[in-house]
Amino acid sequence: MKNLSKLRKRKKGFTLVEILVVIVIIGLLFAIFVPRIDFASNSARETGVKSDFRSFELAAEQLVRENAGLGKHETVGKLCAANGGLNLYLDDALKFTTAGVSAQNDPWNKPYTVQLVGAAVNQNNGGIIFLSGGKDGAIDGNNDFAMATVCINGVISSETSGFSSNIESNAITSITADSAAGAMTVSGTTATLKYKK
């Protein structure tokens, strides 16, 4: 009888084994769903970059159209001058310094940059390349996002690179990184672009 009364008075609760089982199950669920959440986050960030690049593209195309090429903007400093150039067509939050760095950061909290290629060689042929280093933040040719607007003999065209779905152009064959310097090679009506890492 004494033992029976002790069992009735025993407090109810969870055993250590039950608690450990619950912790293991929560850990497994966490391991399964976190990569999917990270993928969704990266996809949303990529969409943010596309949106900013679209603004840059419209500004670059307007600049090239109104100036009949890039002849007046043969350096990044002139391209991004406060009283002229690309910044005339951008919102204040997206404007670039004369060093080619945007006031706006990409979704990974690194600034966008702009490079100018080919304009010093031929004022009718030139390209403007906008860059984001992506998840690793480094513009090194790995996981970079790039958007280029070119003017080839008066024809304006734009293309993106690095996205899960890119905007393609018949006038641009490729946009790649180069350790030496940015360059634009024109062959007929197409261009190959290289941006400086």
C-alpha atoms as a PDB file:
ATOM      1  CA  MET A   1       0.000   0.000   0.000  1.00  0.00           C
ATOM      2  CA  LYS A   2       2.844   2.304   0.829  1.00  0.00           C
ATOM      3  CA  ASN A   3       4.351   1.886  -2.664  1.00  0.00           C
ATOM      4  CA  LEU A   4       0.999   2.536  -4.317  1.00  0.00           C
ATOM      5  CA  SER A   5       0.606   5.895  -2.561  1.00  0.00           C
ATOM      6  CA  LYS A   6       4.140   6.891  -3.623  1.00  0.00           C
ATOM      7  CA  LEU A   7       3.292   6.214  -7.265  1.00  0.00           C
ATOM      8  CA  ARG A   8       0.195   8.381  -7.052  1.00  0.00           C
ATOM      9  CA  LYS A   9       2.156  11.295  -5.592  1.00  0.00           C
ATOM     10  CA  ARG A  10       4.859  11.102  -8.252  1.00  0.00           C
ATOM     11  CA  LYS A  11       4.930  14.291 -10.365  1.00  0.00           C
ATOM     12  CA  LYS A  12       4.104  14.011 -14.022  1.00  0.00           C
ATOM     13  CA  GLY A  13       6.682  15.274 -16.540  1.00  0.00           C
ATOM     14  CA  PHE A  14       8.860  14.371 -19.490  1.00  0.00           C
ATOM     15  CA  THR A  15      11.742  11.972 -19.236  1.00  0.00           C
ATOM     16  CA  LEU A  16      15.175  12.842 -20.515  1.00  0.00           C
ATOM     17  CA  VAL A  17      14.774  10.366 -23.377  1.00  0.00           C
ATOM     18  CA  GLU A  18      11.522  12.001 -24.516  1.00  0.00           C
ATOM     19  CA  ILE A  19      13.123  15.454 -24.503  1.00  0.00           C
ATOM     20  CA  LEU A  20      16.117  14.204 -26.500  1.00  0.00           C
ATOM     21  CA  VAL A  21      13.831  12.610 -29.112  1.00  0.00           C
ATOM     22  CA  VAL A  22      11.981  15.913 -29.566  1.00  0.00           C
ATOM     23  CA  ILE A  23      15.286  17.813 -29.936  1.00  0.00           C
ATOM     24  CA  VAL A  24      16.492  15.341 -32.587  1.00  0.00           C
ATOM     25  CA  ILE A  25      13.238  15.702 -34.551  1.00  0.00           C
ATOM     26  CA  ILE A  26      13.452  19.512 -34.444  1.00  0.00           C
ATOM     27  CA  GLY A  27      17.082  19.325 -35.599  1.00  0.00           C
ATOM     28  CA  LEU A  28      16.159  17.107 -38.555  1.00  0.00           C
ATOM     29  CA  LEU A  29      13.344  19.440 -39.597  1.00  0.00           C
ATOM     30  CA  PHE A  30      15.704  22.407 -39.320  1.00  0.00           C
ATOM     31  CA  ALA A  31      18.317  20.648 -41.489  1.00  0.00           C
ATOM     32  CA  ILE A  32      15.706  19.876 -44.144  1.00  0.00           C
ATOM     33  CA  PHE A  33      14.064  23.300 -44.399  1.00  0.00           C
ATOM     34  CA  VAL A  34      16.909  25.806 -43.870  1.00  0.00           C
ATOM     35  CA  PRO A  35      18.525  25.226 -47.300  1.00  0.00           C
ATOM     36  CA  ARG A  36      15.155  25.836 -48.934  1.00  0.00           C
ATOM     37  CA  ILE A  37      14.721  29.071 -47.017  1.00  0.00           C
ATOM     38  CA  ASP A  38      18.235  30.153 -48.079  1.00  0.00           C
ATOM     39  CA  PHE A  39      17.395  29.347 -51.719  1.00  0.00           C
ATOM     40  CA  ALA A  40      14.231  31.458 -51.509  1.00  0.00           C
ATOM     41  CA  SER A  41      16.237  34.279 -49.949  1.00  0.00           C
ATOM     42  CA  ASN A  42      18.856  34.156 -52.729  1.00  0.00           C
ATOM     43  CA  SER A  43      16.116  34.109 -55.352  1.00  0.00           C
ATOM     44  CA  ALA A  44      14.530  37.198 -53.792  1.00  0.00           C
ATOM     45  CA  ARG A  45      17.923  38.930 -53.703  1.00  0.00           C
ATOM     46  CA  GLU A  46      18.506  38.096 -57.364  1.00  0.00           C
ATOM     47  CA  THR A  47      15.156  39.706 -58.158  1.00  0.00           C
ATOM     48  CA  GLY A  48      16.290  42.836 -56.290  1.00  0.00           C
ATOM     49  CA  VAL A  49      19.462  42.986 -58.394  1.00  0.00           C
ATOM     50  CA  LYS A  50      17.404  42.579 -61.585  1.00  0.00           C
ATOM     51  CA  SER A  51      15.180  45.467 -60.538  1.00  0.00           C
ATOM     52  CA  ASP A  52      18.140  47.780 -59.889  1.00  0.00           C
ATOM     53  CA  PHE A  53      19.829  46.661 -63.121  1.00  0.00           C
ATOM     54  CA  ARG A  54      16.654  47.508 -65.035  1.00  0.00           C
ATOM     55  CA  SER A  55      16.912  51.095 -63.743  1.00  0.00           C
ATOM     56  CA  PHE A  56      20.593  51.196 -64.714  1.00  0.00           C
ATOM     57  CA  GLU A  57      19.781  49.794 -68.161  1.00  0.00           C
ATOM     58  CA  LEU A  58      17.122  52.433 -68.853  1.00  0.00           C
ATOM     59  CA  ALA A  59      19.485  55.205 -67.754  1.00  0.00           C
ATOM     60  CA  ALA A  60      22.355  53.856 -69.897  1.00  0.00           C
ATOM     61  CA  GLU A  61      20.163  53.466 -72.974  1.00  0.00           C
ATOM     62  CA  GLN A  62      18.818  57.005 -72.549  1.00  0.00           C
ATOM     63  CA  LEU A  63      22.345  58.406 -72.155  1.00  0.00           C
ATOM     64  CA  VAL A  64      23.600  56.617 -75.268  1.00  0.00           C
ATOM     65  CA  ARG A  65      20.503  57.590 -77.263  1.00  0.00           C
ATOM     66  CA  GLU A  66      20.655  61.297 -76.357  1.00  0.00           C
ATOM     67  CA  ASN A  67      24.412  61.544 -76.949  1.00  0.00           C
ATOM     68  CA  ALA A  68      24.552  59.392 -80.105  1.00  0.00           C
ATOM     69  CA  GLY A  69      27.046  57.055 -78.456  1.00  0.00           C
ATOM     70  CA  LEU A  70      29.550  57.354 -75.633  1.00  0.00           C
ATOM     71  CA  GLY A  71      32.034  59.745 -77.260  1.00  0.00           C
ATOM     72  CA  LYS A  72      31.520  62.459 -74.621  1.00  0.00           C
ATOM     73  CA  HIS A  73      31.925  59.929 -71.813  1.00  0.00           C
ATOM     74  CA  GLU A  74      35.207  58.160 -72.508  1.00  0.00           C
ATOM     75  CA  THR A  75      36.072  57.699 -68.810  1.00  0.00           C
ATOM     76  CA  VAL A  76      34.085  56.447 -65.811  1.00  0.00           C
ATOM     77  CA  GLY A  77      34.595  59.857 -64.198  1.00  0.00           C
ATOM     78  CA  LYS A  78      32.875  61.607 -67.108  1.00  0.00           C
ATOM     79  CA  LEU A  79      30.250  58.878 -67.362  1.00  0.00           C
ATOM     80  CA  CYS A  80      29.307  59.381 -63.698  1.00  0.00           C
ATOM     81  CA  ALA A  81      29.835  63.158 -63.445  1.00  0.00           C
ATOM     82  CA  ALA A  82      27.431  64.929 -61.097  1.00  0.00           C
ATOM     83  CA  ASN A  83      26.258  67.450 -63.686  1.00  0.00           C
ATOM     84  CA  GLY A  84      25.987  65.092 -66.612  1.00  0.00           C
ATOM     85  CA  GLY A  85      26.261  61.573 -67.776  1.00  0.00           C
ATOM     86  CA  LEU A  86      24.484  58.586 -66.343  1.00  0.00           C
ATOM     87  CA  ASN A  87      23.425  60.246 -63.092  1.00  0.00           C
ATOM     88  CA  LEU A  88      21.046  62.576 -64.962  1.00  0.00           C
ATOM     89  CA  TYR A  89      18.789  59.581 -65.595  1.00  0.00           C
ATOM     90  CA  LEU A  90      19.011  57.846 -62.200  1.00  0.00           C
ATOM     91  CA  ASP A  91      17.165  58.375 -58.927  1.00  0.00           C
ATOM     92  CA  ASP A  92      19.320  59.866 -56.180  1.00  0.00           C
ATOM     93  CA  ALA A  93      19.544  56.514 -54.375  1.00  0.00           C
ATOM     94  CA  LEU A  94      21.032  54.813 -57.454  1.00  0.00           C
ATOM     95  CA  LYS A  95      23.542  57.477 -58.575  1.00  0.00           C
ATOM     96  CA  PHE A  96      27.215  56.636 -59.057  1.00  0.00           C
ATOM     97  CA  THR A  97      30.298  58.451 -57.784  1.00  0.00           C
ATOM     98  CA  THR A  98      32.977  59.472 -60.287  1.00  0.00           C
ATOM     99  CA  ALA A  99      34.860  56.345 -59.164  1.00  0.00           C
ATOM    100  CA  GLY A 100      32.021  54.212 -60.549  1.00  0.00           C
ATOM    101  CA  VAL A 101      30.526  53.133 -57.213  1.00  0.00           C
ATOM    102  CA  SER A 102      26.769  53.371 -56.631  1.00  0.00           C
ATOM    103  CA  ALA A 103      25.151  54.961 -53.601  1.00  0.00           C
ATOM    104  CA  GLN A 104      22.800  51.954 -53.635  1.00  0.00           C
ATOM    105  CA  ASN A 105      24.018  48.660 -52.193  1.00  0.00           C
ATOM    106  CA  ASP A 106      23.037  45.332 -53.683  1.00  0.00           C
ATOM    107  CA  PRO A 107      20.969  42.916 -51.552  1.00  0.00           C
ATOM    108  CA  TRP A 108      24.196  41.506 -50.046  1.00  0.00           C
ATOM    109  CA  ASN A 109      25.060  45.005 -48.806  1.00  0.00           C
ATOM    110  CA  LYS A 110      27.889  45.671 -51.270  1.00  0.00           C
ATOM    111  CA  PRO A 111      27.793  48.660 -53.648  1.00  0.00           C
ATOM    112  CA  TYR A 112      27.067  48.242 -57.338  1.00  0.00           C
ATOM    113  CA  THR A 113      29.877  49.297 -59.642  1.00  0.00           C
ATOM    114  CA  VAL A 114      29.995  50.475 -63.233  1.00  0.00           C
ATOM    115  CA  GLN A 115      32.726  50.029 -65.836  1.00  0.00           C
ATOM    116  CA  LEU A 116      33.097  51.617 -69.252  1.00  0.00           C
ATOM    117  CA  VAL A 117      34.557  49.630 -72.146  1.00  0.00           C
ATOM    118  CA  GLY A 118      35.447  50.546 -75.724  1.00  0.00           C
ATOM    119  CA  ALA A 119      34.325  54.195 -75.659  1.00  0.00           C
ATOM    120  CA  ALA A 120      37.817  55.692 -75.747  1.00  0.00           C
ATOM    121  CA  VAL A 121      38.681  53.727 -78.900  1.00  0.00           C
ATOM    122  CA  ASN A 122      35.598  54.498 -80.983  1.00  0.00           C
ATOM    123  CA  GLN A 123      32.923  56.946 -79.881  1.00  0.00           C
ATOM    124  CA  ASN A 124      30.232  55.132 -81.861  1.00  0.00           C
ATOM    125  CA  ASN A 125      31.063  51.776 -80.270  1.00  0.00           C
ATOM    126  CA  GLY A 126      31.134  51.444 -76.505  1.00  0.00           C
ATOM    127  CA  GLY A 127      29.658  49.612 -73.582  1.00  0.00           C
ATOM    128  CA  ILE A 128      28.587  50.287 -70.026  1.00  0.00           C
ATOM    129  CA  ILE A 129      28.746  47.311 -67.640  1.00  0.00           C
ATOM    130  CA  PHE A 130      26.980  47.343 -64.266  1.00  0.00           C
ATOM    131  CA  LEU A 131      28.201  44.795 -61.711  1.00  0.00           C
ATOM    132  CA  SER A 132      27.205  43.151 -58.456  1.00  0.00           C
ATOM    133  CA  GLY A 133      29.517  40.688 -56.719  1.00  0.00           C
ATOM    134  CA  GLY A 134      26.574  38.536 -55.662  1.00  0.00           C
ATOM    135  CA  LYS A 135      26.574  36.374 -52.556  1.00  0.00           C
ATOM    136  CA  ASP A 136      30.357  36.370 -52.063  1.00  0.00           C
ATOM    137  CA  GLY A 137      30.515  40.157 -52.614  1.00  0.00           C
ATOM    138  CA  ALA A 138      33.635  39.967 -54.790  1.00  0.00           C
ATOM    139  CA  ILE A 139      33.696  40.906 -58.455  1.00  0.00           C
ATOM    140  CA  ASP A 140      35.918  38.028 -59.480  1.00  0.00           C
ATOM    141  CA  GLY A 141      34.093  36.211 -62.275  1.00  0.00           C
ATOM    142  CA  ASN A 142      32.474  33.725 -59.865  1.00  0.00           C
ATOM    143  CA  ASN A 143      28.766  34.237 -59.193  1.00  0.00           C
ATOM    144  CA  ASP A 144      28.880  37.845 -60.420  1.00  0.00           C
ATOM    145  CA  PHE A 145      25.805  39.539 -61.809  1.00  0.00           C
ATOM    146  CA  ALA A 146      26.449  41.770 -64.819  1.00  0.00           C
ATOM    147  CA  MET A 147      24.294  43.940 -67.064  1.00  0.00           C
ATOM    148  CA  ALA A 148      25.776  45.527 -70.161  1.00  0.00           C
ATOM    149  CA  THR A 149      24.389  48.166 -72.496  1.00  0.00           C
ATOM    150  CA  VAL A 150      26.311  48.610 -75.738  1.00  0.00           C
ATOM    151  CA  CYS A 151      26.190  50.933 -78.690  1.00  0.00           C
ATOM    152  CA  ILE A 152      27.497  49.351 -81.888  1.00  0.00           C
ATOM    153  CA  ASN A 153      27.406  51.653 -84.926  1.00  0.00           C
ATOM    154  CA  GLY A 154      24.359  53.459 -83.534  1.00  0.00           C
ATOM    155  CA  VAL A 155      22.446  50.336 -82.459  1.00  0.00           C
ATOM    156  CA  ILE A 156      21.770  50.081 -78.709  1.00  0.00           C
ATOM    157  CA  SER A 157      21.408  46.689 -77.049  1.00  0.00           C
ATOM    158  CA  SER A 158      21.482  45.260 -73.509  1.00  0.00           C
ATOM    159  CA  GLU A 159      22.180  41.858 -71.960  1.00  0.00           C
ATOM    160  CA  THR A 160      22.512  40.360 -68.487  1.00  0.00           C
ATOM    161  CA  SER A 161      24.808  37.638 -67.191  1.00  0.00           C
ATOM    162  CA  GLY A 162      24.886  35.504 -64.040  1.00  0.00           C
ATOM    163  CA  PHE A 163      21.136  35.323 -63.380  1.00  0.00           C
ATOM    164  CA  SER A 164      19.048  32.159 -63.332  1.00  0.00           C
ATOM    165  CA  SER A 165      17.224  33.650 -66.349  1.00  0.00           C
ATOM    166  CA  ASN A 166      19.195  36.175 -68.369  1.00  0.00           C
ATOM    167  CA  ILE A 167      18.135  38.847 -70.838  1.00  0.00           C
ATOM    168  CA  GLU A 168      19.912  37.951 -74.052  1.00  0.00           C
ATOM    169  CA  SER A 169      20.876  40.068 -77.037  1.00  0.00           C
ATOM    170  CA  ASN A 170      21.973  39.154 -80.550  1.00  0.00           C
ATOM    171  CA  ALA A 171      24.446  42.047 -80.413  1.00  0.00           C
ATOM    172  CA  ILE A 172      26.359  40.753 -77.349  1.00  0.00           C
ATOM    173  CA  THR A 173      28.068  37.365 -77.571  1.00  0.00           C
ATOM    174  CA  SER A 174      29.358  37.238 -73.986  1.00  0.00           C
ATOM    175  CA  ILE A 175      30.077  39.176 -70.798  1.00  0.00           C
ATOM    176  CA  THR A 176      33.040  37.725 -68.891  1.00  0.00           C
ATOM    177  CA  ALA A 177      35.571  38.754 -66.252  1.00  0.00           C
ATOM    178  CA  ASP A 178      39.192  39.529 -67.066  1.00  0.00           C
ATOM    179  CA  SER A 179      42.019  40.091 -64.608  1.00  0.00           C
ATOM    180  CA  ALA A 180      43.874  42.578 -66.822  1.00  0.00           C
ATOM    181  CA  ALA A 181      41.276  45.160 -67.868  1.00  0.00           C
ATOM    182  CA  GLY A 182      37.794  45.675 -69.200  1.00  0.00           C
ATOM    183  CA  ALA A 183      37.485  45.551 -72.978  1.00  0.00           C
ATOM    184  CA  MET A 184      35.018  45.458 -75.827  1.00  0.00           C
ATOM    185  CA  THR A 185      35.777  43.636 -79.056  1.00  0.00           C
ATOM    186  CA  VAL A 186      33.449  44.361 -81.977  1.00  0.00           C
ATOM    187  CA  SER A 187      33.093  41.975 -84.883  1.00  0.00           C
ATOM    188  CA  GLY A 188      30.568  43.211 -87.441  1.00  0.00           C
ATOM    189  CA  THR A 189      27.399  43.912 -85.456  1.00  0.00           C
ATOM    190  CA  THR A 190      28.270  41.883 -82.346  1.00  0.00           C
ATOM    191  CA  ALA A 191      30.431  42.608 -79.318  1.00  0.00           C
ATOM    192  CA  THR A 192      32.297  40.534 -76.770  1.00  0.00           C
ATOM    193  CA  LEU A 193      32.618  42.287 -73.415  1.00  0.00           C
ATOM    194  CA  LYS A 194      35.100  41.796 -70.599  1.00  0.00           C
ATOM    195  CA  TYR A 195      34.933  43.529 -67.259  1.00  0.00           C
ATOM    196  CA  LYS A 196      37.843  44.037 -64.896  1.00  0.00           C
ATOM    197  CA  LYS A 197      37.864  41.739 -61.860  1.00  0.00           C
END
